[in-house]
C-alpha atoms as a PDB file:
ATOM      1  CA  MET A   1     -11.181  -8.793-104.780  1.00  0.00           C
ATOM      2  CA  GLY A   2     -10.904  -5.359-103.291  1.00  0.00           C
ATOM      3  CA  PHE A   3      -8.378  -2.807-102.140  1.00  0.00           C
ATOM      4  CA  PHE A   4      -8.883  -0.644 -99.080  1.00  0.00           C
ATOM      5  CA  ASP A   5      -6.692   2.289 -98.065  1.00  0.00           C
ATOM      6  CA  PHE A   6      -6.047   3.155 -94.432  1.00  0.00           C
ATOM      7  CA  VAL A   7      -4.118   5.773 -92.470  1.00  0.00           C
ATOM      8  CA  LYS A   8      -0.670   4.226 -91.991  1.00  0.00           C
ATOM      9  CA  ASN A   9       0.206   5.923 -88.705  1.00  0.00           C
ATOM     10  CA  ALA A  10      -3.112   5.310 -86.944  1.00  0.00           C
ATOM     11  CA  GLY A  11      -4.120   2.150 -85.177  1.00  0.00           C
ATOM     12  CA  LYS A  12      -3.111  -0.564 -82.789  1.00  0.00           C
ATOM     13  CA  SER A  13       0.067  -2.607 -82.831  1.00  0.00           C
ATOM     14  CA  LEU A  14      -1.399  -6.065 -83.464  1.00  0.00           C
ATOM     15  CA  PHE A  15       1.408  -7.618 -85.466  1.00  0.00           C
ATOM     16  CA  GLY A  16       4.802  -6.704 -86.872  1.00  0.00           C
ATOM     17  CA  ALA A  17       5.879  -6.393 -90.487  1.00  0.00           C
ATOM     18  CA  ASP A  18       6.931 -10.048 -90.602  1.00  0.00           C
ATOM     19  CA  ASP A  19       4.637 -11.572 -87.985  1.00  0.00           C
ATOM     20  CA  ALA A  20       3.703 -15.112 -88.912  1.00  0.00           C
ATOM     21  CA  ASN A  21       0.796 -14.914 -86.450  1.00  0.00           C
ATOM     22  CA  ALA A  22      -1.028 -12.063 -88.208  1.00  0.00           C
ATOM     23  CA  ALA A  23      -4.061 -14.275 -88.960  1.00  0.00           C
ATOM     24  CA  GLU A  24      -4.326 -15.181 -85.281  1.00  0.00           C
ATOM     25  CA  ALA A  25      -3.994 -11.528 -84.221  1.00  0.00           C
ATOM     26  CA  ILE A  26      -6.728 -10.430 -86.647  1.00  0.00           C
ATOM     27  CA  ALA A  27      -9.021 -13.317 -85.646  1.00  0.00           C
ATOM     28  CA  LYS A  28      -8.574 -12.395 -81.981  1.00  0.00           C
ATOM     29  CA  GLU A  29      -9.285  -8.714 -82.727  1.00  0.00           C
ATOM     30  CA  VAL A  30     -12.481  -9.672 -84.567  1.00  0.00           C
ATOM     31  CA  GLY A  31     -13.469 -11.858 -81.622  1.00  0.00           C
ATOM     32  CA  ASP A  32     -13.462 -15.232 -83.383  1.00  0.00           C
ATOM     33  CA  PRO A  33     -10.236 -17.209 -82.863  1.00  0.00           C
ATOM     34  CA  SER A  34     -11.472 -19.930 -85.259  1.00  0.00           C
ATOM     35  CA  LEU A  35     -11.050 -17.478 -88.168  1.00  0.00           C
ATOM     36  CA  ALA A  36      -7.278 -17.930 -87.994  1.00  0.00           C
ATOM     37  CA  ASP A  37      -7.713 -21.319 -89.700  1.00  0.00           C
ATOM     38  CA  LYS A  38     -10.009 -19.883 -92.394  1.00  0.00           C
ATOM     39  CA  ILE A  39      -7.956 -16.914 -93.580  1.00  0.00           C
ATOM     40  CA  ASN A  40      -4.493 -16.486 -94.999  1.00  0.00           C
ATOM     41  CA  VAL A  41      -2.761 -13.213 -94.134  1.00  0.00           C
ATOM     42  CA  GLU A  42       0.392 -11.983 -95.851  1.00  0.00           C
ATOM     43  CA  VAL A  43       2.113  -8.918 -94.424  1.00  0.00           C
ATOM     44  CA  ASP A  44       4.426  -7.095 -96.822  1.00  0.00           C
ATOM     45  CA  GLY A  45       5.585  -3.903 -95.137  1.00  0.00           C
ATOM     46  CA  GLU A  46       2.588  -1.581 -95.022  1.00  0.00           C
ATOM     47  CA  ASN A  47       0.464  -3.820 -97.271  1.00  0.00           C
ATOM     48  CA  VAL A  48      -1.646  -6.737 -96.054  1.00  0.00           C
ATOM     49  CA  LYS A  49      -3.184  -9.390 -98.320  1.00  0.00           C
ATOM     50  CA  ILE A  50      -6.000 -11.518 -96.948  1.00  0.00           C
ATOM     51  CA  SER A  51      -7.667 -14.478 -98.612  1.00  0.00           C
ATOM     52  CA  GLY A  52      -9.890 -17.317 -97.533  1.00  0.00           C
ATOM     53  CA  GLU A  53     -13.502 -18.369 -97.221  1.00  0.00           C
ATOM     54  CA  ILE A  54     -15.714 -17.286 -94.340  1.00  0.00           C
ATOM     55  CA  PRO A  55     -19.447 -17.477 -93.642  1.00  0.00           C
ATOM     56  CA  ASP A  56     -20.718 -13.899 -93.924  1.00  0.00           C
ATOM     57  CA  GLN A  57     -20.225 -10.354 -95.218  1.00  0.00           C
ATOM     58  CA  GLU A  58     -20.136  -8.792 -91.748  1.00  0.00           C
ATOM     59  CA  THR A  59     -17.209 -10.965 -90.666  1.00  0.00           C
ATOM     60  CA  LYS A  60     -15.419 -10.229 -93.944  1.00  0.00           C
ATOM     61  CA  GLU A  61     -15.750  -6.501 -93.343  1.00  0.00           C
ATOM     62  CA  LYS A  62     -14.593  -6.819 -89.730  1.00  0.00           C
ATOM     63  CA  ILE A  63     -11.494  -8.697 -90.897  1.00  0.00           C
ATOM     64  CA  ILE A  64     -10.683  -5.923 -93.392  1.00  0.00           C
ATOM     65  CA  VAL A  65     -11.174  -3.185 -90.790  1.00  0.00           C
ATOM     66  CA  ALA A  66      -9.211  -5.081 -88.121  1.00  0.00           C
ATOM     67  CA  ALA A  67      -6.274  -5.536 -90.498  1.00  0.00           C
ATOM     68  CA  GLY A  68      -6.406  -1.959 -91.775  1.00  0.00           C
ATOM     69  CA  ASN A  69      -6.611  -0.382 -88.340  1.00  0.00           C
ATOM     70  CA  VAL A  70      -3.166  -1.738 -87.470  1.00  0.00           C
ATOM     71  CA  GLU A  71      -0.379   0.769 -86.987  1.00  0.00           C
ATOM     72  CA  GLY A  72       1.862   0.755 -90.061  1.00  0.00           C
ATOM     73  CA  VAL A  73      -0.740  -0.683 -92.456  1.00  0.00           C
ATOM     74  CA  SER A  74      -1.795   1.593 -95.303  1.00  0.00           C
ATOM     75  CA  ARG A  75      -3.493  -0.876 -97.650  1.00  0.00           C
ATOM     76  CA  VAL A  76      -5.486  -4.075 -97.376  1.00  0.00           C
ATOM     77  CA  GLU A  77      -6.006  -6.261-100.421  1.00  0.00           C
ATOM     78  CA  GLU A  78      -8.708  -8.830 -99.886  1.00  0.00           C
ATOM     79  CA  ASN A  79      -9.762 -11.897-101.784  1.00  0.00           C
ATOM     80  CA  ILE A  80     -12.196 -13.259 -99.212  1.00  0.00           C
ATOM     81  CA  GLU A  81     -15.108 -15.397-100.319  1.00  0.00           C
ATOM     82  CA  THR A  82     -18.321 -15.506 -98.313  1.00  0.00           C
ATOM     83  CA  THR A  83     -20.853 -18.315 -98.297  1.00  0.00           C
ATOM     84  CA  GLN A  84     -23.807 -16.023 -97.460  1.00  0.00           C
ATOM     85  CA  GLU A  85     -24.585 -12.924 -99.503  1.00  0.00           C
ATOM     86  CA  ALA A  86     -25.572  -9.706 -97.713  1.00  0.00           C
ATOM     87  CA  PRO A  87     -25.545  -5.967 -98.424  1.00  0.00           C
ATOM     88  CA  GLU A  88     -22.120  -4.373 -98.034  1.00  0.00           C
ATOM     89  CA  ALA A  89     -21.374  -1.795 -95.390  1.00  0.00           C
ATOM     90  CA  THR A  90     -19.782   1.552 -96.124  1.00  0.00           C
ATOM     91  CA  TYR A  91     -16.746   2.858 -94.266  1.00  0.00           C
ATOM     92  CA  HIS A  92     -15.925   6.062 -92.440  1.00  0.00           C
ATOM     93  CA  THR A  93     -12.460   7.333 -91.553  1.00  0.00           C
ATOM     94  CA  VAL A  94     -12.654   9.076 -88.184  1.00  0.00           C
ATOM     95  CA  GLU A  95     -11.583  12.703 -88.198  1.00  0.00           C
ATOM     96  CA  LYS A  96     -10.589  14.887 -85.267  1.00  0.00           C
ATOM     97  CA  GLY A  97     -13.704  15.861 -83.332  1.00  0.00           C
ATOM     98  CA  ASP A  98     -15.853  12.982 -84.663  1.00  0.00           C
ATOM     99  CA  THR A  99     -18.161  11.109 -82.318  1.00  0.00           C
ATOM    100  CA  LEU A 100     -20.214   8.026 -83.074  1.00  0.00           C
ATOM    101  CA  TRP A 101     -23.317  10.203 -82.672  1.00  0.00           C
ATOM    102  CA  ALA A 102     -22.051  12.645 -85.342  1.00  0.00           C
ATOM    103  CA  ILE A 103     -21.070   9.787 -87.655  1.00  0.00           C
ATOM    104  CA  ALA A 104     -24.539   8.227 -87.260  1.00  0.00           C
ATOM    105  CA  GLU A 105     -26.100  11.619 -87.925  1.00  0.00           C
ATOM    106  CA  LYS A 106     -24.102  11.866 -91.161  1.00  0.00           C
ATOM    107  CA  ALA A 107     -24.668   8.253 -92.242  1.00  0.00           C
ATOM    108  CA  TYR A 108     -28.298   7.751 -91.196  1.00  0.00           C
ATOM    109  CA  SER A 109     -29.568  11.287 -90.488  1.00  0.00           C
ATOM    110  CA  ASP A 110     -30.181  10.046 -86.946  1.00  0.00           C
ATOM    111  CA  GLY A 111     -27.550  10.314 -84.225  1.00  0.00           C
ATOM    112  CA  THR A 112     -29.448   7.919 -81.971  1.00  0.00           C
ATOM    113  CA  LYS A 113     -28.361   5.101 -84.320  1.00  0.00           C
ATOM    114  CA  TYR A 114     -24.754   5.437 -83.095  1.00  0.00           C
ATOM    115  CA  LYS A 115     -25.174   2.102 -81.274  1.00  0.00           C
ATOM    116  CA  MET A 116     -25.545   0.350 -84.658  1.00  0.00           C
ATOM    117  CA  ILE A 117     -22.109   1.625 -85.643  1.00  0.00           C
ATOM    118  CA  PHE A 118     -20.651   0.681 -82.270  1.00  0.00           C
ATOM    119  CA  ASP A 119     -22.148  -2.838 -82.473  1.00  0.00           C
ATOM    120  CA  ALA A 120     -20.899  -3.232 -86.065  1.00  0.00           C
ATOM    121  CA  ASN A 121     -17.355  -2.549 -84.878  1.00  0.00           C
ATOM    122  CA  THR A 122     -17.230  -4.645 -81.714  1.00  0.00           C
ATOM    123  CA  PRO A 123     -15.186  -6.202 -80.276  1.00  0.00           C
ATOM    124  CA  MET A 124     -12.641  -3.927 -82.001  1.00  0.00           C
ATOM    125  CA  LEU A 125     -14.297  -0.987 -80.231  1.00  0.00           C
ATOM    126  CA  SER A 126     -14.586  -1.405 -76.483  1.00  0.00           C
ATOM    127  CA  ASP A 127     -16.295   1.905 -75.708  1.00  0.00           C
ATOM    128  CA  PRO A 128     -18.392   4.280 -77.884  1.00  0.00           C
ATOM    129  CA  ASP A 129     -16.285   7.204 -76.674  1.00  0.00           C
ATOM    130  CA  LYS A 130     -12.947   5.630 -77.633  1.00  0.00           C
ATOM    131  CA  ILE A 131     -12.500   6.309 -81.326  1.00  0.00           C
ATOM    132  CA  TYR A 132      -9.466   8.065 -82.772  1.00  0.00           C
ATOM    133  CA  PRO A 133      -8.580  10.058 -85.903  1.00  0.00           C
ATOM    134  CA  GLY A 134      -7.525   7.812 -88.757  1.00  0.00           C
ATOM    135  CA  GLN A 135      -9.499   4.818 -87.506  1.00  0.00           C
ATOM    136  CA  VAL A 136     -11.781   3.264 -90.122  1.00  0.00           C
ATOM    137  CA  LEU A 137     -15.230   2.154 -88.981  1.00  0.00           C
ATOM    138  CA  ARG A 138     -17.799  -0.099 -90.639  1.00  0.00           C
ATOM    139  CA  ILE A 139     -21.104   1.675 -91.230  1.00  0.00           C
ATOM    140  CA  PRO A 140     -23.691  -1.089 -91.683  1.00  0.00           C
ATOM    141  CA  PRO A 141     -26.661  -0.572 -93.976  1.00  0.00           C
ATOM    142  CA  LEU A 142     -29.993   0.104 -92.298  1.00  0.00           C
ATOM    143  CA  ALA A 143     -32.219  -2.937 -92.125  1.00  0.00           C
ATOM    144  CA  ASP A 144     -35.352  -2.761 -94.237  1.00  0.00           C
END
């Protein structure tokens, strides 16, 4: 189980404070509508609790980021089990003036690896140039 803090006033409006379809909205944002049947999402004001069992670490992290990057959400509590173990990603909160190139430079000492960060955050990101302050991005580990 983990807790993740997010910037409350940054993000998209995916669901309301009492939206019964929050799991569907998150699954759609992650790009896998079938996830709605595998996760349970409870919205309590600015806190979101997610539980369930999914196949892999990457999807788990995308679910957390998708839920946390919702306007009005400041904390995500997760109790998501995965059936396949994998190294965990780190996270970066976008600051004013950040670019994916600069974030890749900081994370990997190589700005040309920005596409890894973009790919790790799709479909939630539609364009490498469209990131905003307060948004939290997954920074995947480099493959060996």
